[in-house]
C-alpha atoms as a PDB file:
ATOM      1  CA  MET A   1     -34.266  19.222 -64.541  1.00  0.00           C
ATOM      2  CA  ALA A   2     -37.641  18.628 -62.326  1.00  0.00           C
ATOM      3  CA  ALA A   3     -39.637  20.552 -64.586  1.00  0.00           C
ATOM      4  CA  GLY A   4     -39.437  18.012 -67.289  1.00  0.00           C
ATOM      5  CA  HIS A   5     -41.536  15.052 -67.873  1.00  0.00           C
ATOM      6  CA  SER A   6     -41.658  12.473 -64.907  1.00  0.00           C
ATOM      7  CA  ASP A   7     -42.983   9.092 -64.289  1.00  0.00           C
ATOM      8  CA  TYR A   8     -44.356   9.961 -60.692  1.00  0.00           C
ATOM      9  CA  HIS A   9     -48.020   9.885 -60.171  1.00  0.00           C
ATOM     10  CA  ARG A  10     -49.578  11.364 -56.973  1.00  0.00           C
ATOM     11  CA  GLY A  11     -51.074   8.892 -54.468  1.00  0.00           C
ATOM     12  CA  ASP A  12     -50.079   5.727 -56.512  1.00  0.00           C
ATOM     13  CA  MET A  13     -47.707   4.436 -54.164  1.00  0.00           C
ATOM     14  CA  PRO A  14     -48.902   1.440 -52.033  1.00  0.00           C
ATOM     15  CA  VAL A  15     -48.738   2.396 -48.386  1.00  0.00           C
ATOM     16  CA  GLU A  16     -50.246  -0.614 -46.494  1.00  0.00           C
ATOM     17  CA  ALA A  17     -46.649  -1.510 -44.767  1.00  0.00           C
ATOM     18  CA  GLN A  18     -46.424   2.082 -43.339  1.00  0.00           C
ATOM     19  CA  ALA A  19     -50.022   2.058 -42.353  1.00  0.00           C
ATOM     20  CA  GLY A  20     -49.330  -1.197 -40.212  1.00  0.00           C
ATOM     21  CA  THR A  21     -46.166  -0.015 -38.875  1.00  0.00           C
ATOM     22  CA  PHE A  22     -47.987   3.124 -37.631  1.00  0.00           C
ATOM     23  CA  LYS A  23     -50.844   1.242 -36.379  1.00  0.00           C
ATOM     24  CA  GLY A  24     -48.517  -1.138 -34.436  1.00  0.00           C
ATOM     25  CA  PHE A  25     -46.348   1.687 -33.204  1.00  0.00           C
ATOM     26  CA  MET A  26     -49.596   3.595 -31.782  1.00  0.00           C
ATOM     27  CA  GLY A  27     -50.899   0.446 -30.264  1.00  0.00           C
ATOM     28  CA  LEU A  28     -47.650  -0.177 -28.571  1.00  0.00           C
ATOM     29  CA  THR A  29     -47.617   3.411 -27.201  1.00  0.00           C
ATOM     30  CA  VAL A  30     -51.175   3.312 -26.023  1.00  0.00           C
ATOM     31  CA  TYR A  31     -51.011  -0.052 -24.191  1.00  0.00           C
ATOM     32  CA  GLY A  32     -47.407   0.807 -23.069  1.00  0.00           C
ATOM     33  CA  GLY A  33     -48.391   4.154 -21.629  1.00  0.00           C
ATOM     34  CA  ALA A  34     -51.601   2.694 -19.903  1.00  0.00           C
ATOM     35  CA  LEU A  35     -49.440  -0.097 -18.323  1.00  0.00           C
ATOM     36  CA  LEU A  36     -46.708   2.228 -17.332  1.00  0.00           C
ATOM     37  CA  ALA A  37     -49.470   4.478 -15.500  1.00  0.00           C
ATOM     38  CA  LEU A  38     -50.604   1.246 -13.537  1.00  0.00           C
ATOM     39  CA  ILE A  39     -46.956   0.348 -12.611  1.00  0.00           C
ATOM     40  CA  VAL A  40     -46.690   3.812 -11.278  1.00  0.00           C
ATOM     41  CA  ILE A  41     -49.880   4.145  -9.476  1.00  0.00           C
ATOM     42  CA  MET A  42     -49.553   1.264  -7.208  1.00  0.00           C
ATOM     43  CA  PRO A  43     -46.226   2.133  -5.514  1.00  0.00           C
ATOM     44  CA  THR A  44     -47.363   5.583  -5.255  1.00  0.00           C
ATOM     45  CA  LEU A  45     -50.505   4.597  -3.468  1.00  0.00           C
ATOM     46  CA  VAL A  46     -48.590   1.993  -1.086  1.00  0.00           C
ATOM     47  CA  TYR A  47     -45.437   4.441  -0.348  1.00  0.00           C
ATOM     48  CA  GLY A  48     -46.561   7.843  -1.065  1.00  0.00           C
ATOM     49  CA  VAL A  49     -50.207   7.702   0.163  1.00  0.00           C
ATOM     50  CA  GLY A  50     -49.354   5.126   2.930  1.00  0.00           C
ATOM     51  CA  LEU A  51     -52.242   2.597   1.810  1.00  0.00           C
ATOM     52  CA  GLY A  52     -51.993  -1.121   2.274  1.00  0.00           C
ATOM     53  CA  TRP A  53     -50.764  -3.105  -0.604  1.00  0.00           C
ATOM     54  CA  VAL A  54     -54.249  -4.965  -0.784  1.00  0.00           C
ATOM     55  CA  THR A  55     -56.156  -1.735  -0.989  1.00  0.00           C
ATOM     56  CA  ALA A  56     -53.545  -0.188  -3.485  1.00  0.00           C
ATOM     57  CA  LEU A  57     -53.774  -3.322  -5.755  1.00  0.00           C
ATOM     58  CA  PHE A  58     -57.564  -2.827  -5.727  1.00  0.00           C
ATOM     59  CA  VAL A  59     -57.532   0.655  -6.608  1.00  0.00           C
ATOM     60  CA  THR A  60     -54.812   0.074  -9.392  1.00  0.00           C
ATOM     61  CA  LEU A  61     -56.860  -2.844 -10.655  1.00  0.00           C
ATOM     62  CA  ILE A  62     -60.266  -0.403 -10.908  1.00  0.00           C
ATOM     63  CA  VAL A  63     -57.986   2.311 -12.465  1.00  0.00           C
ATOM     64  CA  GLY A  64     -56.860  -0.349 -14.960  1.00  0.00           C
ATOM     65  CA  PHE A  65     -60.611  -1.064 -15.791  1.00  0.00           C
ATOM     66  CA  ILE A  66     -61.396   2.638 -16.132  1.00  0.00           C
ATOM     67  CA  ILE A  67     -58.318   3.322 -18.487  1.00  0.00           C
ATOM     68  CA  GLY A  68     -59.272   0.289 -20.561  1.00  0.00           C
ATOM     69  CA  VAL A  69     -62.850   1.507 -21.112  1.00  0.00           C
ATOM     70  CA  ALA A  70     -61.766   5.247 -21.621  1.00  0.00           C
ATOM     71  CA  LEU A  71     -59.196   4.208 -24.366  1.00  0.00           C
ATOM     72  CA  LYS A  72     -61.463   1.505 -25.646  1.00  0.00           C
ATOM     73  CA  LEU A  73     -58.876  -1.194 -25.385  1.00  0.00           C
ATOM     74  CA  LYS A  74     -59.199  -4.779 -26.252  1.00  0.00           C
ATOM     75  CA  ALA A  75     -60.275  -7.636 -24.038  1.00  0.00           C
ATOM     76  CA  GLN A  76     -56.770  -8.763 -23.663  1.00  0.00           C
ATOM     77  CA  TRP A  77     -56.046  -5.761 -21.945  1.00  0.00           C
ATOM     78  CA  TYR A  78     -58.437  -6.794 -19.103  1.00  0.00           C
ATOM     79  CA  ALA A  79     -56.939 -10.467 -19.102  1.00  0.00           C
ATOM     80  CA  VAL A  80     -53.318  -8.966 -18.700  1.00  0.00           C
ATOM     81  CA  ILE A  81     -54.306  -6.646 -15.793  1.00  0.00           C
ATOM     82  CA  VAL A  82     -56.258  -9.194 -13.929  1.00  0.00           C
ATOM     83  CA  ALA A  83     -53.443 -11.654 -14.517  1.00  0.00           C
ATOM     84  CA  LEU A  84     -50.766  -9.069 -13.244  1.00  0.00           C
ATOM     85  CA  ALA A  85     -52.992  -8.264 -10.110  1.00  0.00           C
ATOM     86  CA  ILE A  86     -53.004 -11.778  -9.316  1.00  0.00           C
ATOM     87  CA  PHE A  87     -49.198 -12.181  -9.709  1.00  0.00           C
ATOM     88  CA  THR A  88     -48.763  -9.147  -7.737  1.00  0.00           C
ATOM     89  CA  ALA A  89     -50.963 -10.493  -4.798  1.00  0.00           C
ATOM     90  CA  ILE A  90     -49.094 -13.915  -4.725  1.00  0.00           C
ATOM     91  CA  VAL A  91     -45.753 -11.765  -4.811  1.00  0.00           C
ATOM     92  CA  CYS A  92     -46.817  -9.297  -2.338  1.00  0.00           C
ATOM     93  CA  GLY A  93     -48.369 -12.053  -0.046  1.00  0.00           C
ATOM     94  CA  LEU A  94     -45.111 -14.059  -0.018  1.00  0.00           C
ATOM     95  CA  LEU A  95     -43.092 -11.160   0.908  1.00  0.00           C
ATOM     96  CA  THR A  96     -45.500 -10.054   3.459  1.00  0.00           C
ATOM     97  CA  LEU A  97     -44.888 -13.592   5.088  1.00  0.00           C
ATOM     98  CA  PHE A  98     -41.136 -13.822   5.048  1.00  0.00           C
ATOM     99  CA  PHE A  99     -40.428 -10.193   5.769  1.00  0.00           C
END
């Protein structure tokens, strides 16, 4: 059956869609993993190590910049972690005032 004539030619199939999907998946994995690491680091520093939330936020921001440089992430990464740091500072500040 398979030993006969075939129209298949090795390497002729277009794979742009599959390559784009794989690139998107890898980007999501890298950025998601880095963000998850930062999300785990800050509460660990606050509750596990006993640092204040301001110090923990500063350390987490520095670690985020180091991760960005190490993984060669785009400029959007730095904008997102700065925006999240500002948001976290506002929320933690409000929580400190009320509790």
